[in-house]
Amino acid sequence: MADQKSNRKKTALGRGLGALLEDSPAKNKSEEILPEVVKTGIFEIQLGEIQVNPFQPRTHFDKEALEELAESIRVQGIIQPITVRRLDQNEYQLISGERRFQASKLAGLEKIPAYIRTANDQQMLEMALIENIQRENLNALEIAHSYQRLLAECDLKQEELGDRVGKNRTTVNNYLRLLKLPPSIQAAIRDQRLSMGHARALINIEDVDKQLAIFKKAVEEELSVRKVEALVKALNEAKGPKEEKPNLDPVRKYELTKIQQRLASHFGTKVALQANDKNKGEIKIPFTSTSDLNRILEILDII
C-alpha cells in the first residue's frame, strides 16, 4: 500500500492540476475543517461567502467580455463550476474561475456551483497560476509573469515548470525573456499592440536605443513579424565583427571623446568615431528609418 502511494507521488508532475490537488500534503486550517469526502463534491455556495483569490495572476479583465459572459450565464447558467478552498464555516476563497465568479455577480446570481478543495497558500498560488495559463486567454506578458512566479515562489526549475504547464523548456524561456524588454515594449505586449513574434525578434537587439527605434517603427507602420525579423537581422549584420580599439594617449582619447559627443548632439543620434595614432579613422552615423536618414541628410545640407 505504501509503495502504491509512493509511486503515485513520483508521477505527479506529469498528471496536471488533479495530481497537485490529490497528492499535496495538508498544511492549513482548511484541512482541519474539511473532511476528505468533500474534496470531490460540487456544492452550491453563496457568492457573498467567497473571497477573491489573492494569488490571481490575471491583472485585467475585459469589461465587454465579462458582460457577454454574464449574459450567457443569465441564459444558460454556470456550465463549469468554479474551484474554491474552505477557510472557515461559510467562508471560502477562490482557487480558479474568477471570470465566472465576477460574471455571476453581474448576472445577479446569489449562488454558484463550486468544487471544494484543500490547499495551503503555496498550493493556492501554483494551482491558480497553472489554471490560468492553461485555461484563460492571458496575454504573453501575463504568461511570462506567471512563469516567473512559479519559478520564484513555488521553487520550481524550468524543466519542472515545463512539465506542469505542458510546454518545453525553450518555449518557457522565450516567455521569460520578455521580462528583460524595456517597460514601453512590455506595455505594448500587455495591451496587445505587439505580438509575441515581434517581441521575440526585438529581444535579439542588444542596444536598447536601437531596440526602441525598431519597436516604434513596427508599431507605427504595423510591420509584420517577418519584416521586423529582417530589420533586426540587417541591424545585427551591419555591426560586423568587433574591431580592436587602437592604443591612444589619454589626451588624444579625451579630445576624440569630446568630438564624438558634439557630433552625437549635433545629429541627435549616437555617432561612432574611431581614429588611430596616425590620425586616420572614420565616423559612422546610424539611422533607423528612411525618415531618420532624410533628417540626417538635411542636417548635412545634402537634400
Protein backbone atom coordinates (compact mmCIF):
# COMPACT_ATOMS: atom_id res chain seq x y z
CA MET A 1 0.00 0.00 0.00
CA ALA A 2 2.85 2.35 0.91
CA ASP A 3 4.57 1.56 -2.41
CA GLN A 4 1.46 2.47 -4.39
CA LYS A 5 1.23 5.81 -2.64
CA SER A 6 4.93 6.48 -3.28
CA ASN A 7 4.58 5.67 -6.99
CA ARG A 8 1.56 7.94 -7.27
CA LYS A 9 3.56 10.87 -5.88
CA LYS A 10 6.54 10.27 -8.16
CA THR A 11 4.38 10.66 -11.28
CA ALA A 12 2.51 13.72 -10.06
CA LEU A 13 4.47 16.19 -12.21
CA GLY A 14 3.09 14.82 -15.44
CA ARG A 15 -0.51 14.50 -14.32
CA GLY A 16 -1.51 18.16 -14.17
CA LEU A 17 -3.74 20.04 -11.75
CA GLY A 18 -5.55 16.97 -10.43
CA ALA A 19 -2.28 15.49 -9.19
CA LEU A 20 -1.45 18.67 -7.34
CA LEU A 21 -4.78 18.62 -5.58
CA GLU A 22 -4.72 14.95 -4.63
CA ASP A 23 -1.09 14.47 -3.65
CA SER A 24 -0.16 17.71 -1.86
CA PRO A 25 0.17 17.43 1.93
CA ALA A 26 -2.26 19.31 4.20
CA LYS A 27 -0.79 22.40 5.78
CA ASN A 28 -3.51 24.91 6.69
CA LYS A 29 -6.61 25.24 8.79
CA SER A 30 -8.94 24.46 5.88
CA GLU A 31 -7.86 20.83 6.14
CA GLU A 32 -8.84 20.71 9.80
CA ILE A 33 -12.38 21.77 8.85
CA LEU A 34 -12.80 19.96 5.54
CA PRO A 35 -13.34 16.18 5.61
CA GLU A 36 -11.73 14.04 2.91
CA VAL A 37 -15.05 13.23 1.23
CA VAL A 38 -15.77 16.89 0.47
CA LYS A 39 -12.76 17.15 -1.87
CA THR A 40 -14.66 15.57 -4.79
CA GLY A 41 -18.02 17.25 -4.25
CA ILE A 42 -19.77 20.06 -6.13
CA PHE A 43 -21.77 22.42 -3.92
CA GLU A 44 -23.95 25.49 -4.34
CA ILE A 45 -22.20 28.31 -2.45
CA GLN A 46 -23.42 31.83 -1.70
CA LEU A 47 -21.46 34.37 -3.75
CA GLY A 48 -21.19 36.58 -0.68
CA GLU A 49 -19.28 33.83 1.15
CA ILE A 50 -16.49 33.72 -1.46
CA GLN A 51 -13.33 35.82 -1.31
CA VAL A 52 -11.31 36.57 -4.46
CA ASN A 53 -8.01 34.81 -4.94
CA PRO A 54 -5.10 36.96 -3.66
CA PHE A 55 -2.78 34.91 -5.88
CA GLN A 56 -4.73 35.66 -9.07
CA PRO A 57 -2.13 36.19 -11.83
CA ARG A 58 -4.52 37.96 -14.17
CA THR A 59 -4.39 41.73 -13.68
CA HIS A 60 -7.01 42.82 -16.24
CA PHE A 61 -10.47 41.54 -17.15
CA ASP A 62 -12.08 42.90 -20.32
CA LYS A 63 -15.35 44.58 -19.27
CA GLU A 64 -17.14 43.86 -22.54
CA ALA A 65 -16.17 40.18 -22.47
CA LEU A 66 -17.25 39.99 -18.82
CA GLU A 67 -20.68 41.44 -19.71
CA GLU A 68 -21.03 38.90 -22.53
CA LEU A 69 -20.23 36.08 -20.12
CA ALA A 70 -22.75 37.47 -17.62
CA GLU A 71 -25.45 37.46 -20.30
CA SER A 72 -24.58 33.87 -21.20
CA ILE A 73 -24.85 32.89 -17.54
CA ARG A 74 -28.28 34.55 -17.28
CA VAL A 75 -29.46 32.39 -20.19
CA GLN A 76 -27.52 29.15 -19.76
CA GLY A 77 -26.40 29.22 -16.12
CA ILE A 78 -22.93 28.17 -14.95
CA ILE A 79 -21.71 25.31 -17.15
CA GLN A 80 -18.36 24.78 -15.44
CA PRO A 81 -18.16 25.11 -11.62
CA ILE A 82 -15.53 27.34 -10.03
CA THR A 83 -12.96 25.89 -7.61
CA VAL A 84 -12.58 27.14 -4.04
CA ARG A 85 -10.96 26.23 -0.74
CA ARG A 86 -12.76 26.48 2.59
CA LEU A 87 -11.25 28.92 5.07
CA ASP A 88 -13.89 28.62 7.79
CA GLN A 89 -17.56 27.86 8.22
CA ASN A 90 -19.40 29.64 5.37
CA GLU A 91 -16.14 31.27 4.25
CA TYR A 92 -14.38 30.29 1.03
CA GLN A 93 -11.57 31.54 -1.21
CA LEU A 94 -11.32 31.22 -4.99
CA ILE A 95 -8.68 28.94 -6.45
CA SER A 96 -9.80 29.34 -10.07
CA GLY A 97 -12.73 30.73 -12.02
CA GLU A 98 -12.65 34.43 -11.17
CA ARG A 99 -14.18 35.45 -14.53
CA ARG A 100 -17.13 33.13 -13.88
CA PHE A 101 -17.35 34.43 -10.32
CA GLN A 102 -17.36 38.11 -11.36
CA ALA A 103 -19.74 37.49 -14.27
CA SER A 104 -22.14 35.62 -11.97
CA LYS A 105 -22.31 38.67 -9.71
CA LEU A 106 -23.03 40.85 -12.75
CA ALA A 107 -25.75 38.40 -13.79
CA GLY A 108 -27.42 38.80 -10.39
CA LEU A 109 -26.88 35.24 -9.16
CA GLU A 110 -26.92 34.56 -5.42
CA LYS A 111 -25.27 31.12 -5.55
CA ILE A 112 -22.69 29.44 -7.75
CA PRO A 113 -21.69 25.77 -8.18
CA ALA A 114 -18.20 25.10 -6.87
CA TYR A 115 -15.69 22.32 -6.28
CA ILE A 116 -14.27 22.49 -2.77
CA ARG A 117 -10.60 21.61 -2.49
CA THR A 118 -7.95 21.69 0.22
CA ALA A 119 -4.80 23.72 -0.37
CA ASN A 120 -2.20 25.72 1.53
CA ASP A 121 -1.03 29.14 0.32
CA GLN A 122 1.77 27.85 -1.92
CA GLN A 123 -0.54 25.28 -3.49
CA MET A 124 -3.12 28.04 -3.99
CA LEU A 125 -0.60 30.12 -5.91
CA GLU A 126 0.58 27.20 -8.00
CA MET A 127 -2.92 25.98 -8.86
CA ALA A 128 -4.15 29.50 -9.69
CA LEU A 129 -1.19 30.19 -11.95
CA ILE A 130 -1.37 26.85 -13.78
CA GLU A 131 -5.16 27.01 -14.11
CA ASN A 132 -4.96 30.47 -15.68
CA ILE A 133 -2.09 29.61 -18.00
CA GLN A 134 -3.93 26.55 -19.30
CA ARG A 135 -7.50 27.85 -19.49
CA GLU A 136 -7.61 31.64 -19.70
CA ASN A 137 -6.75 33.88 -22.63
CA LEU A 138 -3.76 35.50 -20.94
CA ASN A 139 -1.56 37.83 -22.97
CA ALA A 140 2.09 36.89 -23.44
CA LEU A 141 3.32 39.20 -20.69
CA GLU A 142 0.87 37.80 -18.13
CA ILE A 143 2.06 34.30 -19.02
CA ALA A 144 5.67 35.42 -18.60
CA HIS A 145 4.95 36.86 -15.15
CA SER A 146 3.09 33.68 -14.21
CA TYR A 147 6.06 31.55 -15.24
CA GLN A 148 8.40 33.78 -13.26
CA ARG A 149 6.23 33.50 -10.14
CA LEU A 150 6.06 29.72 -10.47
CA LEU A 151 9.86 29.57 -10.64
CA ALA A 152 10.49 32.03 -7.82
CA GLU A 153 7.63 31.47 -5.38
CA CYS A 154 6.90 27.78 -5.95
CA ASP A 155 10.58 26.84 -6.12
CA LEU A 156 10.28 25.10 -9.50
CA LYS A 157 13.01 24.55 -12.07
CA GLN A 158 12.37 25.31 -15.74
CA GLU A 159 12.12 21.62 -16.62
CA GLU A 160 9.55 21.07 -13.85
CA LEU A 161 7.65 24.18 -14.91
CA GLY A 162 7.51 22.91 -18.49
CA ASP A 163 6.05 19.62 -17.26
CA ARG A 164 3.42 21.42 -15.17
CA VAL A 165 2.18 23.68 -17.97
CA GLY A 166 2.75 21.28 -20.88
CA LYS A 167 5.43 23.38 -22.60
CA ASN A 168 9.03 22.61 -23.49
CA ARG A 169 11.91 24.47 -21.88
CA THR A 170 12.58 26.62 -24.97
CA THR A 171 9.00 27.93 -25.01
CA VAL A 172 9.12 28.72 -21.30
CA ASN A 173 12.45 30.51 -21.74
CA ASN A 174 11.09 32.58 -24.66
CA TYR A 175 8.30 33.89 -22.43
CA LEU A 176 10.69 34.65 -19.55
CA ARG A 177 12.95 36.65 -21.88
CA LEU A 178 10.08 39.08 -22.48
CA LEU A 179 10.60 40.37 -18.95
CA LYS A 180 14.03 41.70 -19.99
CA LEU A 181 12.49 44.08 -22.54
CA PRO A 182 12.11 47.82 -21.76
CA PRO A 183 8.87 48.83 -19.96
CA SER A 184 7.39 50.53 -23.05
CA ILE A 185 7.73 47.34 -25.11
CA GLN A 186 6.31 45.23 -22.28
CA ALA A 187 3.34 47.60 -22.09
CA ALA A 188 2.72 47.16 -25.84
CA ILE A 189 2.71 43.38 -25.41
CA ARG A 190 0.33 43.68 -22.45
CA ASP A 191 -2.02 45.92 -24.47
CA GLN A 192 -1.75 43.55 -27.46
CA ARG A 193 -0.25 46.22 -29.71
CA LEU A 194 2.75 43.95 -30.21
CA SER A 195 2.68 40.19 -30.73
CA MET A 196 4.88 37.54 -29.16
CA GLY A 197 6.61 37.08 -32.54
CA HIS A 198 7.52 40.77 -32.76
CA ALA A 199 8.80 40.74 -29.18
CA ARG A 200 10.98 37.66 -29.76
CA ALA A 201 12.65 39.43 -32.68
CA LEU A 202 13.28 42.61 -30.66
CA ILE A 203 14.88 40.63 -27.81
CA ASN A 204 17.83 39.91 -30.12
CA ILE A 205 18.84 43.60 -30.23
CA GLU A 206 21.41 44.39 -27.55
CA ASP A 207 21.35 48.18 -27.92
CA VAL A 208 18.26 49.49 -26.10
CA ASP A 209 18.03 52.67 -28.19
CA LYS A 210 18.00 50.68 -31.43
CA GLN A 211 15.59 48.21 -29.89
CA LEU A 212 13.16 51.02 -29.06
CA ALA A 213 13.61 52.60 -32.51
CA ILE A 214 12.63 49.40 -34.34
CA PHE A 215 9.80 48.81 -31.87
CA LYS A 216 8.41 52.29 -32.59
CA LYS A 217 8.69 51.70 -36.33
CA ALA A 218 6.97 48.31 -36.04
CA VAL A 219 4.01 49.76 -34.16
CA GLU A 220 3.61 52.95 -36.22
CA GLU A 221 3.93 51.19 -39.58
CA GLU A 222 2.17 47.98 -38.45
CA LEU A 223 5.06 45.86 -39.67
CA SER A 224 4.72 42.09 -39.91
CA VAL A 225 6.81 39.78 -37.75
CA ARG A 226 8.91 38.81 -40.80
CA LYS A 227 9.62 42.47 -41.58
CA VAL A 228 10.76 43.13 -38.01
CA GLU A 229 12.91 39.98 -38.08
CA ALA A 230 14.50 41.23 -41.32
CA LEU A 231 15.23 44.64 -39.78
CA VAL A 232 16.81 43.04 -36.72
CA LYS A 233 18.90 40.69 -38.88
CA ALA A 234 20.13 43.59 -41.03
CA LEU A 235 20.98 45.61 -37.93
CA ASN A 236 22.96 42.79 -36.34
CA GLU A 237 24.81 42.00 -39.59
CA ALA A 238 25.72 45.68 -40.03
CA LYS A 239 27.54 45.62 -36.69
CA GLY A 240 30.09 43.15 -38.06
CA PRO A 241 32.98 41.79 -36.01
CA LYS A 242 34.25 43.90 -33.16
CA GLU A 243 37.36 45.85 -34.05
CA GLU A 244 40.25 46.28 -31.71
CA LYS A 245 40.48 49.80 -30.39
CA PRO A 246 43.82 51.50 -31.04
CA ASN A 247 46.02 52.44 -28.11
CA LEU A 248 45.76 56.23 -27.90
CA ASP A 249 47.35 58.50 -25.37
CA PRO A 250 44.89 59.83 -22.71
CA VAL A 251 44.88 63.40 -24.04
CA ARG A 252 44.10 62.34 -27.61
CA LYS A 253 41.44 59.91 -26.37
CA TYR A 254 39.79 62.69 -24.36
CA GLU A 255 39.76 65.01 -27.39
CA LEU A 256 38.16 62.36 -29.60
CA THR A 257 35.54 61.61 -26.94
CA LYS A 258 34.56 65.29 -26.78
CA ILE A 259 34.31 65.45 -30.59
CA GLN A 260 32.16 62.31 -30.61
CA GLN A 261 29.83 63.82 -28.02
CA ARG A 262 29.48 67.03 -30.05
CA LEU A 263 28.69 65.05 -33.20
CA ALA A 264 26.09 62.97 -31.35
CA SER A 265 24.46 66.15 -30.03
CA HIS A 266 24.51 67.74 -33.49
CA PHE A 267 22.90 64.80 -35.29
CA GLY A 268 20.59 63.74 -32.46
CA THR A 269 21.80 60.16 -32.51
CA LYS A 270 24.76 58.07 -31.35
CA VAL A 271 27.83 58.62 -33.52
CA ALA A 272 30.80 56.23 -33.72
CA LEU A 273 34.17 57.96 -34.06
CA GLN A 274 37.38 55.97 -34.49
CA ALA A 275 40.93 57.19 -35.07
CA ASN A 276 44.40 55.67 -34.87
CA ASP A 277 47.68 57.16 -33.76
CA LYS A 278 48.27 58.43 -37.32
CA ASN A 279 45.05 60.48 -37.18
CA LYS A 280 43.27 58.21 -39.65
CA GLY A 281 39.83 56.89 -38.88
CA GLU A 282 36.13 57.03 -39.65
CA ILE A 283 32.82 58.47 -38.48
CA LYS A 284 29.65 56.36 -38.51
CA ILE A 285 26.20 57.94 -38.23
CA PRO A 286 23.50 55.26 -37.85
CA PHE A 287 19.86 55.74 -38.94
CA THR A 288 16.79 53.66 -38.10
CA SER A 289 14.41 54.50 -40.97
CA THR A 290 14.06 56.42 -44.24
CA SER A 291 12.70 59.45 -42.41
CA ASP A 292 15.62 59.30 -39.97
CA LEU A 293 18.08 59.18 -42.91
CA ASN A 294 16.39 62.18 -44.53
CA ARG A 295 16.66 64.06 -41.25
CA ILE A 296 20.43 63.43 -41.14
CA LEU A 297 20.81 64.41 -44.79
CA GLU A 298 19.02 67.69 -44.13
CA ILE A 299 21.44 68.43 -41.29
CA LEU A 300 24.32 67.74 -43.68
CA ASP A 301 22.59 70.05 -46.21
CA ILE A 302 22.71 67.30 -48.85
CA ILE A 303 18.99 67.42 -49.75
